[in-house]
Protein backbone atom coordinates (compact mmCIF):
# COMPACT_ATOMS: atom_id res chain seq x y z
CA UNK A 1 11.90 -3.34 -37.43
CA UNK A 2 12.87 -5.38 -34.39
CA UNK A 3 16.13 -3.52 -33.90
CA UNK A 4 14.42 -0.13 -33.96
CA UNK A 5 11.90 -1.36 -31.31
CA UNK A 6 14.64 -2.60 -29.07
CA UNK A 7 16.49 0.75 -29.39
CA UNK A 8 13.16 2.54 -28.56
CA UNK A 9 12.76 0.47 -25.39
CA UNK A 10 16.42 1.07 -24.43
CA UNK A 11 15.97 4.82 -24.94
CA UNK A 12 12.82 4.81 -22.68
CA UNK A 13 14.70 2.86 -20.00
CA UNK A 14 17.58 5.43 -20.03
CA UNK A 15 15.18 8.36 -19.91
CA UNK A 16 13.30 6.81 -16.94
CA UNK A 17 16.52 6.12 -15.07
CA UNK A 18 17.59 9.74 -15.24
CA UNK A 19 14.14 11.32 -14.66
CA UNK A 20 14.21 13.38 -11.44
CA UNK A 21 10.46 12.78 -10.91
CA UNK A 22 11.09 9.02 -10.58
CA UNK A 23 13.72 9.00 -7.84
CA UNK A 24 13.20 6.58 -4.87
CA UNK A 25 12.78 9.64 -2.53
CA UNK A 26 10.02 11.11 -4.66
CA UNK A 27 8.04 7.98 -5.34
CA UNK A 28 7.86 7.11 -1.66
CA UNK A 29 6.17 10.44 -0.88
CA UNK A 30 2.39 10.21 -1.32
CA UNK A 31 2.20 13.55 -3.09
CA UNK A 32 5.02 12.97 -5.52
CA UNK A 33 3.83 9.33 -6.16
CA UNK A 34 0.85 10.77 -8.15
CA UNK A 35 3.34 12.90 -10.19
CA UNK A 36 5.45 9.77 -10.83
CA UNK A 37 2.47 7.81 -12.08
CA UNK A 38 1.58 10.72 -14.40
CA UNK A 39 5.17 10.74 -15.72
CA UNK A 40 5.03 7.03 -16.45
CA UNK A 41 1.75 7.63 -18.39
CA UNK A 42 3.71 10.09 -20.53
CA UNK A 43 6.46 7.50 -21.33
CA UNK A 44 3.76 5.03 -22.25
CA UNK A 45 1.88 7.45 -24.49
CA UNK A 46 4.98 8.40 -26.37
CA UNK A 47 5.78 4.74 -27.30
CA UNK A 48 4.30 2.85 -30.06
CA UNK A 49 4.87 -0.57 -28.50
CA UNK A 50 4.58 -0.06 -24.70
CA UNK A 51 1.29 -1.03 -23.23
CA UNK A 52 2.20 -1.21 -19.60
CA UNK A 53 5.07 0.27 -17.49
CA UNK A 54 6.02 -1.11 -14.09
CA UNK A 55 8.34 0.71 -11.82
CA UNK A 56 9.89 -1.50 -9.15
CA UNK A 57 12.46 -0.27 -6.60
CA UNK A 58 14.64 -3.30 -5.69
CA UNK A 59 14.57 -4.15 -2.07
CA UNK A 60 11.47 -2.09 -1.33
CA UNK A 61 7.75 -2.81 -1.50
CA UNK A 62 6.80 0.00 -3.94
CA UNK A 63 5.22 -0.70 -7.29
CA UNK A 64 4.18 2.07 -9.57
CA UNK A 65 2.40 1.23 -12.79
CA UNK A 66 0.88 2.80 -15.81
CA UNK A 67 -2.49 1.27 -16.54
CA UNK A 68 -3.61 0.28 -19.99
CA UNK A 69 -5.97 2.40 -22.11
């Protein structure tokens, strides 16, 4: 069970890293930031174990998050 959960988290991390809606350029734009938060909500909703998602750009002061239900 634990191995499958870890694989699920790794899969989510890979999908987020390749998601064009979550690029540094897009999330710094006010319009696209809303789209990025909506996209994070989708990742959270599709996971059975994720309650919160935090998106942090290293070296920048931007934090996107997906709030709990």
